[in-house]
Protein backbone atom coordinates (compact mmCIF):
# COMPACT_ATOMS: atom_id res chain seq x y z
CA MET A 1 10.86 23.95 6.70
CA SER A 2 7.89 23.39 4.48
CA ARG A 3 7.08 24.46 0.97
CA ARG A 4 3.75 24.50 -0.77
CA ASP A 5 4.43 25.11 -4.45
CA ARG A 6 1.62 27.12 -5.90
CA LYS A 7 2.13 25.98 -9.45
CA PRO A 8 -0.55 23.87 -11.15
CA LEU A 9 -0.04 20.35 -12.39
CA ALA A 10 0.14 19.05 -15.91
CA LYS A 11 -2.03 20.44 -18.67
CA SER A 12 -5.54 19.02 -18.75
CA ARG A 13 -7.27 17.90 -21.88
CA SER A 14 -9.59 20.16 -23.79
CA SER A 15 -13.22 19.10 -23.86
CA GLY A 16 -12.68 17.65 -27.31
CA ASP A 17 -9.80 15.46 -26.11
CA ARG A 18 -11.43 14.26 -22.91
CA PRO A 19 -12.34 10.54 -22.83
CA ARG A 20 -15.90 9.79 -23.89
CA GLY A 21 -18.33 10.34 -21.05
CA ALA A 22 -15.82 12.18 -18.84
CA THR A 23 -17.21 15.23 -17.10
CA PRO A 24 -15.30 18.53 -17.30
CA PHE A 25 -14.46 20.49 -14.14
CA ARG A 26 -17.19 22.63 -12.69
CA ASP A 27 -14.55 25.05 -11.42
CA LYS A 28 -11.77 24.79 -13.96
CA PRO A 29 -8.48 26.36 -12.74
CA SER A 30 -7.31 29.29 -14.83
CA GLY A 31 -4.03 29.45 -16.69
CA ASP A 32 -2.08 26.98 -18.77
CA ARG A 33 -0.55 24.01 -17.06
CA PRO A 34 2.75 22.38 -18.13
CA GLN A 35 2.65 18.98 -19.71
CA GLY A 36 2.89 16.11 -17.23
CA LYS A 37 5.54 13.41 -17.34
CA ARG A 38 3.30 10.39 -17.34
CA PRO A 39 4.36 7.97 -20.12
CA GLY A 40 1.71 7.59 -22.77
CA GLY A 41 0.13 10.92 -21.89
CA LYS A 42 -3.52 9.82 -22.02
CA PRO A 43 -5.43 10.20 -18.77
CA ALA A 44 -8.31 7.81 -18.44
CA ARG A 45 -11.64 8.31 -16.78
CA VAL A 46 -11.60 6.59 -13.44
CA ALA A 47 -14.55 4.23 -13.39
CA GLU A 48 -16.35 2.63 -10.45
CA PRO A 49 -16.53 -1.14 -11.14
CA ARG A 50 -15.50 -3.38 -8.25
CA ARG A 51 -13.07 -5.36 -10.35
CA GLU A 52 -10.79 -4.18 -13.13
CA LYS A 53 -8.77 -6.50 -15.33
CA PRO A 54 -5.02 -5.90 -15.46
CA ALA A 55 -3.79 -3.89 -18.40
CA ALA A 56 -1.65 -6.67 -19.85
CA VAL A 57 -1.60 -10.38 -20.46
CA PHE A 58 0.81 -12.04 -18.07
CA VAL A 59 3.05 -14.98 -18.81
CA GLU A 60 2.56 -18.23 -16.97
CA PRO A 61 4.28 -18.44 -13.57
CA GLU A 62 7.60 -20.21 -13.68
CA LYS A 63 7.60 -23.79 -12.44
CA ALA A 64 8.32 -24.26 -8.77
CA LYS A 65 11.76 -25.51 -7.87
CA ALA A 66 12.11 -29.05 -6.67
CA GLU A 67 11.92 -29.33 -2.90
CA VAL A 68 15.23 -29.54 -1.07
CA PRO A 69 15.26 -32.38 1.47
CA LEU A 70 15.64 -31.28 5.06
CA PRO A 71 19.09 -32.01 6.56
CA THR A 72 19.11 -34.86 9.07
CA LYS A 73 22.54 -33.83 10.36
CA VAL A 74 24.53 -30.62 10.65
CA GLU A 75 25.25 -29.06 7.25
CA THR A 76 27.16 -26.01 6.06
CA VAL A 77 25.90 -24.13 3.00
CA VAL A 78 27.22 -21.07 1.16
CA VAL A 79 25.08 -17.98 0.50
CA THR A 80 24.56 -17.54 -3.25
CA ALA A 81 24.37 -14.30 -5.23
CA ASP A 82 20.57 -14.62 -5.39
CA GLU A 83 20.47 -14.85 -1.60
CA ASN A 84 22.64 -11.79 -0.98
CA ASN A 85 21.09 -9.33 1.52
CA MET A 86 18.38 -11.85 2.46
CA ARG A 87 17.27 -12.02 6.07
CA VAL A 88 18.26 -15.17 7.95
CA ASP A 89 14.66 -16.28 8.54
CA ARG A 90 13.72 -15.64 4.88
CA PHE A 91 16.82 -17.58 3.82
CA LEU A 92 15.64 -20.63 5.77
CA GLU A 93 12.09 -20.28 4.45
CA ALA A 94 13.38 -20.15 0.87
CA ARG A 95 15.90 -23.00 1.28
CA PHE A 96 13.53 -25.29 3.17
CA PRO A 97 9.90 -24.59 2.27
CA GLY A 98 7.47 -25.90 4.83
CA LEU A 99 9.56 -25.09 7.91
CA SER A 100 7.30 -23.52 10.52
CA PHE A 101 7.97 -19.99 11.69
CA SER A 102 8.24 -21.16 15.30
CA HIS A 103 10.84 -23.81 14.38
CA ILE A 104 12.95 -21.22 12.52
CA GLN A 105 12.82 -18.84 15.47
CA ARG A 106 13.71 -21.64 17.88
CA ILE A 107 16.91 -22.75 16.14
CA VAL A 108 18.05 -19.16 15.68
CA ARG A 109 17.28 -18.24 19.29
CA LYS A 110 19.20 -21.24 20.61
CA GLY A 111 22.24 -20.37 18.49
CA GLU A 112 22.02 -23.61 16.49
CA LEU A 113 22.28 -21.65 13.26
CA ARG A 114 25.59 -19.83 12.78
CA VAL A 115 26.93 -17.51 10.09
CA ASN A 116 30.70 -17.68 9.58
CA GLY A 117 30.90 -19.41 12.94
CA LYS A 118 28.99 -16.70 14.85
CA ARG A 119 25.48 -16.62 16.29
CA ALA A 120 22.96 -14.79 14.12
CA ASP A 121 19.65 -13.07 14.68
CA SER A 122 16.67 -13.92 12.48
CA LYS A 123 16.64 -10.34 11.12
CA ASP A 124 20.35 -10.26 10.25
CA ARG A 125 21.16 -9.87 6.54
CA LEU A 126 23.32 -12.44 4.78
CA GLU A 127 26.08 -11.68 2.30
CA GLU A 128 27.11 -13.69 -0.76
CA GLY A 129 29.85 -16.19 0.09
CA GLN A 130 29.12 -16.47 3.80
CA SER A 131 28.98 -19.96 5.34
CA VAL A 132 25.81 -20.86 7.18
CA ARG A 133 25.79 -23.76 9.64
CA ILE A 134 22.37 -25.43 9.59
CA PRO A 135 21.35 -27.91 12.31
CA PRO A 136 19.09 -30.95 11.70
CA LEU A 137 15.64 -29.67 10.80
CA ARG A 138 12.17 -31.00 11.38
CA LEU A 139 9.26 -30.42 9.01
CA ASP A 140 5.91 -29.98 10.71
CA ALA A 141 3.25 -32.31 9.45
CA PRO A 142 1.27 -30.45 6.75
CA LYS A 143 -2.47 -30.11 7.05
CA GLY A 144 -4.37 -32.30 4.68
CA ALA A 145 -6.72 -30.96 2.04
CA GLY A 146 -9.96 -29.76 3.51
CA ALA A 147 -8.47 -29.61 7.00
CA LEU A 148 -9.24 -25.90 7.52
CA SER A 149 -11.17 -25.16 10.67
CA GLU A 150 -14.52 -23.42 10.52
CA ALA A 151 -12.88 -20.14 11.59
CA ALA A 152 -10.13 -20.48 8.94
CA THR A 153 -12.74 -21.22 6.27
CA LYS A 154 -14.61 -18.04 7.20
CA THR A 155 -11.36 -16.06 7.06
CA LEU A 156 -10.56 -17.44 3.61
CA GLN A 157 -14.06 -16.50 2.42
CA ALA A 158 -13.61 -12.98 3.83
CA LEU A 159 -10.36 -12.59 1.89
CA LYS A 160 -12.06 -13.78 -1.30
CA GLU A 161 -14.79 -11.19 -0.84
CA MET A 162 -12.13 -8.48 -0.46
CA THR A 163 -10.23 -9.58 -3.58
CA LEU A 164 -10.09 -7.09 -6.45
CA TYR A 165 -7.44 -8.95 -8.46
CA GLU A 166 -5.55 -12.22 -8.12
CA ASP A 167 -3.15 -14.38 -10.12
CA ALA A 168 -0.39 -16.87 -9.26
CA ASP A 169 1.95 -14.13 -7.97
CA VAL A 170 -0.14 -11.15 -6.93
CA LEU A 171 -3.20 -10.40 -4.83
CA VAL A 172 -4.88 -6.98 -4.55
CA LEU A 173 -7.33 -6.67 -1.67
CA ASN A 174 -9.98 -4.03 -1.06
CA LYS A 175 -9.19 -3.49 2.62
CA PRO A 176 -12.21 -2.23 4.55
CA ALA A 177 -11.93 0.75 6.89
CA GLY A 178 -11.35 -0.37 10.47
CA LEU A 179 -9.36 -3.50 9.63
CA ALA A 180 -5.68 -3.22 10.62
CA VAL A 181 -3.03 -4.36 8.16
CA GLN A 182 -0.70 -5.70 10.87
CA GLY A 183 -0.93 -6.60 14.52
CA GLY A 184 -0.30 -4.22 17.39
CA SER A 185 -1.50 -3.17 20.80
CA GLY A 186 -5.22 -3.83 21.16
CA ILE A 187 -5.51 -5.35 17.67
CA THR A 188 -7.05 -8.82 17.61
CA ARG A 189 -7.62 -9.19 13.86
CA ASN A 190 -5.48 -7.96 10.98
CA VAL A 191 -4.79 -8.71 7.31
CA ASP A 192 -1.34 -10.19 7.93
CA GLN A 193 -2.86 -12.67 10.37
CA MET A 194 -5.70 -13.50 7.97
CA LEU A 195 -3.19 -14.36 5.23
CA GLU A 196 -2.05 -17.36 7.32
CA VAL A 197 -4.94 -19.35 5.83
CA MET A 198 -3.45 -18.87 2.35
CA ARG A 199 -0.19 -20.71 2.96
CA ASP A 200 0.60 -22.85 -0.08
CA ALA A 201 1.62 -26.53 -0.23
CA LYS A 202 5.19 -25.56 0.69
CA GLY A 203 4.08 -23.51 3.65
CA GLN A 204 4.78 -20.16 2.00
CA LYS A 205 2.52 -17.36 3.24
CA PRO A 206 1.56 -14.34 1.10
CA ARG A 207 3.55 -11.22 2.03
CA LEU A 208 2.37 -7.63 2.47
CA VAL A 209 4.11 -5.30 0.02
CA HIS A 210 2.99 -1.98 1.54
CA ARG A 211 0.73 -0.71 4.32
CA LEU A 212 -2.49 1.26 4.78
CA ASP A 213 -3.63 2.99 7.95
CA ARG A 214 -6.27 1.09 9.90
CA GLU A 215 -9.08 3.52 9.00
CA THR A 216 -8.03 3.91 5.35
CA SER A 217 -9.85 1.64 2.92
CA GLY A 218 -8.93 0.51 -0.58
CA CYS A 219 -6.21 -1.17 -2.63
CA LEU A 220 -3.72 -3.25 -0.63
CA LEU A 221 -1.04 -5.10 -2.58
CA VAL A 222 0.04 -8.59 -1.49
CA ALA A 223 2.74 -10.84 -2.99
CA LYS A 224 1.89 -14.55 -3.11
CA THR A 225 5.45 -15.65 -3.93
CA ARG A 226 8.92 -14.59 -2.79
CA PHE A 227 9.77 -13.76 -6.41
CA ALA A 228 6.80 -11.37 -6.60
CA ALA A 229 7.60 -9.84 -3.21
CA THR A 230 11.13 -8.93 -4.33
CA ALA A 231 9.93 -7.44 -7.64
CA LEU A 232 7.02 -5.46 -6.19
CA THR A 233 9.05 -4.12 -3.28
CA GLY A 234 11.65 -2.99 -5.80
CA SER A 235 8.96 -1.14 -7.78
CA PHE A 236 7.99 0.81 -4.67
CA ARG A 237 11.63 1.51 -3.84
CA HIS A 238 12.33 2.82 -7.35
CA ARG A 239 9.01 4.73 -7.45
CA SER A 240 7.68 2.93 -10.50
CA ALA A 241 4.48 2.17 -8.59
CA ARG A 242 1.73 4.79 -8.83
CA LYS A 243 -0.85 5.18 -6.03
CA ILE A 244 -3.89 7.44 -6.21
CA TYR A 245 -6.04 8.29 -3.20
CA TRP A 246 -9.41 10.03 -2.88
CA ALA A 247 -10.32 12.14 0.12
CA LEU A 248 -13.03 14.52 1.32
CA VAL A 249 -11.48 17.58 2.96
CA ALA A 250 -12.68 20.65 4.83
CA GLY A 251 -12.78 23.75 2.64
CA VAL A 252 -11.45 24.10 -0.90
CA PRO A 253 -7.66 24.15 -1.43
CA LYS A 254 -6.26 27.08 -3.42
CA PRO A 255 -4.79 26.73 -5.93
CA LYS A 256 -6.95 23.79 -6.93
CA GLN A 257 -3.95 21.81 -8.15
CA GLY A 258 -0.57 21.86 -6.47
CA ARG A 259 2.35 20.21 -4.74
CA ILE A 260 3.02 19.87 -1.01
CA SER A 261 6.63 19.39 0.02
CA THR A 262 7.67 19.14 3.69
CA TYR A 263 9.79 17.17 6.11
CA LEU A 264 7.85 14.91 8.47
CA ALA A 265 8.96 13.47 11.80
CA LYS A 266 7.18 11.30 14.36
CA GLU A 267 6.09 13.00 17.57
CA GLU A 268 5.49 10.62 20.46
CA SER A 269 3.26 11.24 23.46
CA GLU A 270 1.98 9.09 26.32
CA GLU A 271 -1.37 8.59 24.60
CA ASP A 272 -0.58 8.67 20.90
CA SER A 273 1.94 9.42 18.15
CA ILE A 274 1.50 11.67 15.12
CA MET A 275 3.60 12.93 12.24
CA ARG A 276 4.50 16.61 12.53
CA VAL A 277 5.95 18.96 9.94
CA ALA A 278 9.65 19.30 10.73
CA LYS A 279 12.73 21.11 9.48
CA HIS A 280 15.43 19.63 7.29
CA GLY A 281 18.03 18.11 9.60
CA ASP A 282 15.65 17.50 12.51
CA GLU A 283 16.09 14.12 14.16
CA GLY A 284 14.00 11.49 12.37
CA ALA A 285 12.77 13.94 9.71
CA SER A 286 12.11 12.54 6.22
CA HIS A 287 11.23 14.44 3.04
CA ALA A 288 7.63 13.93 1.88
CA VAL A 289 6.02 15.07 -1.40
CA THR A 290 2.33 14.92 -2.33
CA TYR A 291 0.48 16.19 -5.40
CA TYR A 292 -3.17 17.11 -5.00
CA ALA A 293 -6.00 18.16 -7.30
CA VAL A 294 -9.54 19.29 -6.49
CA VAL A 295 -12.00 17.13 -8.42
CA GLU A 296 -15.29 18.62 -7.26
CA THR A 297 -16.59 20.90 -4.50
CA SER A 298 -19.68 21.18 -2.31
CA ALA A 299 -20.73 24.76 -1.49
CA GLN A 300 -17.12 25.78 -0.78
CA LYS A 301 -17.40 23.95 2.55
CA LEU A 302 -16.05 20.59 1.36
CA ALA A 303 -13.87 19.39 -1.49
CA TRP A 304 -13.25 16.01 -3.06
CA VAL A 305 -9.52 15.87 -3.72
CA SER A 306 -7.42 13.33 -5.55
CA LEU A 307 -4.00 12.73 -4.00
CA LYS A 308 -0.83 11.29 -5.44
CA PRO A 309 1.97 10.61 -2.94
CA VAL A 310 5.45 10.55 -4.44
CA THR A 311 7.00 9.37 -1.18
CA GLY A 312 5.45 6.90 1.25
CA ARG A 313 5.79 8.34 4.77
CA THR A 314 3.57 7.31 7.68
CA HIS A 315 0.31 9.33 7.69
CA GLN A 316 1.76 11.45 4.87
CA LEU A 317 -1.50 12.40 3.15
CA ARG A 318 -3.32 13.06 6.42
CA ALA A 319 -0.51 15.24 7.79
CA HIS A 320 -0.05 17.11 4.50
CA MET A 321 -3.72 18.01 4.10
CA ALA A 322 -3.90 19.21 7.71
CA HIS A 323 -0.69 21.22 7.08
CA ILE A 324 -2.34 23.24 4.28
CA ASP A 325 -5.42 23.74 6.51
CA HIS A 326 -7.66 21.33 4.60
CA ALA A 327 -7.74 18.33 6.92
CA ILE A 328 -9.44 15.13 5.81
CA VAL A 329 -12.99 14.79 7.13
CA GLY A 330 -13.30 12.36 10.04
CA ASP A 331 -9.56 12.18 10.76
CA PRO A 332 -9.24 11.58 14.53
CA LYS A 333 -5.53 12.52 14.60
CA TYR A 334 -5.13 15.49 12.28
CA PHE A 335 -8.51 17.24 11.99
CA ASN A 336 -7.94 20.37 14.08
CA LYS A 337 -10.25 23.02 12.59
CA GLU A 338 -12.08 24.93 15.30
CA ASN A 339 -15.81 25.76 15.15
CA TRP A 340 -16.28 23.39 12.23
CA ASP A 341 -19.45 21.31 12.13
CA LEU A 342 -19.76 18.08 10.18
CA PRO A 343 -22.55 18.49 7.59
CA GLY A 344 -25.70 16.58 8.47
CA GLY A 345 -25.82 12.94 7.37
CA LEU A 346 -22.05 12.50 7.00
CA GLN A 347 -20.41 9.92 9.23
CA ASN A 348 -17.54 11.08 11.42
CA ARG A 349 -15.12 8.52 9.95
CA LEU A 350 -11.91 8.99 7.99
CA HIS A 351 -12.82 9.87 4.40
CA LEU A 352 -9.68 8.49 2.72
CA LEU A 353 -9.62 5.79 0.04
CA ALA A 354 -6.61 4.10 -1.59
CA ARG A 355 -8.47 4.41 -4.87
CA ARG A 356 -6.07 3.00 -7.45
CA ILE A 357 -2.73 1.26 -7.78
CA VAL A 358 -0.72 0.93 -11.02
CA ILE A 359 2.48 -1.12 -10.84
CA PRO A 360 4.59 -3.27 -13.17
CA HIS A 361 3.70 -6.96 -12.89
CA PRO A 362 6.68 -9.09 -11.77
CA ARG A 363 6.41 -11.21 -14.93
CA GLY A 364 5.63 -8.46 -17.44
CA GLY A 365 2.76 -6.15 -18.18
CA VAL A 366 1.04 -3.80 -15.75
CA ILE A 367 -1.33 -4.30 -12.83
CA ASP A 368 -3.95 -1.51 -12.79
CA VAL A 369 -6.64 -1.95 -10.13
CA SER A 370 -9.24 0.43 -8.68
CA ALA A 371 -11.27 0.11 -5.48
CA PRO A 372 -14.85 1.39 -5.07
CA LEU A 373 -15.84 3.97 -2.48
CA PRO A 374 -16.39 2.35 0.93
CA PRO A 375 -19.98 2.55 2.28
CA HIS A 376 -19.46 5.62 4.50
CA MET A 377 -17.76 7.58 1.70
CA LEU A 378 -20.33 6.52 -0.89
CA GLN A 379 -23.04 7.79 1.46
CA SER A 380 -21.24 11.15 1.71
CA TRP A 381 -20.76 11.38 -2.07
CA ASN A 382 -24.48 10.73 -2.61
CA LEU A 383 -25.58 13.23 0.06
CA LEU A 384 -23.31 15.93 -1.37
CA GLY A 385 -24.20 15.19 -4.99
CA LEU A 386 -20.61 14.35 -5.97
CA GLU A 387 -20.22 12.30 -9.15
CA HIS A 388 -17.85 9.43 -8.38
CA ASP A 389 -17.14 8.76 -12.07
CA ARG A 390 -15.85 12.29 -12.73
CA PHE A 391 -12.60 12.73 -14.68
CA ASP A 392 -9.66 12.55 -12.25
CA PRO A 393 -7.16 15.40 -12.86
CA ILE A 394 -4.40 13.82 -10.75
CA GLU A 395 -3.72 11.46 -13.68
CA ASN A 396 -1.28 13.97 -15.16
CA ALA A 397 0.59 14.81 -11.96
CA PRO A 398 4.37 14.42 -12.26
CA GLU A 399 6.03 11.26 -10.99
CA GLU A 400 8.61 13.07 -8.86
């Protein structure tokens, strides 16, 4: 069962209250709109610079804990409160920094590591108070400074060129369209693999906090420390992270601001898998909510929409826009409009950008980073005469 609420979003500013330089709507929706729930209440003009400084000054990272020597004989340790619900492999990584992934998998696979006397899988979750039998461990010889291969050096440089923001705990990348976030069938290069070159002196590798589809470009959040990974993942779980996407869609949604609420379930086929709108109670169905707002239009044939997902389901924005009959331009999975021709000069590529991410910093303050339009979308914006620095109405969309 799906529901498309036809009520507008939060009340927009009057022209006198709009931030300096912000452009008013060309087609302003009629009627009053209720006040949004965003703390602070002041929407800001979304600007185009490649880098944006975080909105707060962060405290210095806490000092690293002293390294724990590797056991040379069998040892039994007790899971602490801080380690409760930690995966077995993450537990070993945290207890013994520098252990290689392959070595961890080997001792677990052979049953050398036991939890309360029983064999454990690397993905099993530990509970406070459990006893963990740890066999003698071997630390792989670390690479010396400057020992990166030519290929690794190029990968590190590529990551630096993608970087929108970085500090001791957090990294925000501008993922290009076409680059997969994680490995899979037929994927030879992905962000997760690239992050291998950023392992620190203790062998800790940066961790992905969320995902983007392969053809979606824009802000990708990465945790550089386990502490940051726990905090940032918690922010997503408790919905204190705010993500804003830009898309170019077929036609002009009516009303121009609204809420899409459906259940989505994965539909598998021999060739592909997509997310379909499902009914409450269907097997595998999850509730998905998206707010949308039309920013600008082009001859009623195309619309630039700003999207704010409340939930984070696979392909949520793509499936939701197709569901209301305004599929995202260039979407190979969900664009199903018949007798629709792509306007001349526009590339037939997914026009979806993870434009902005706002999330509490693990050590205080707020991370607020925006990504620029990727080349193929910038080309479309220029051809259609869309102003990429226009005031973004999705700012005032509710947080639930």
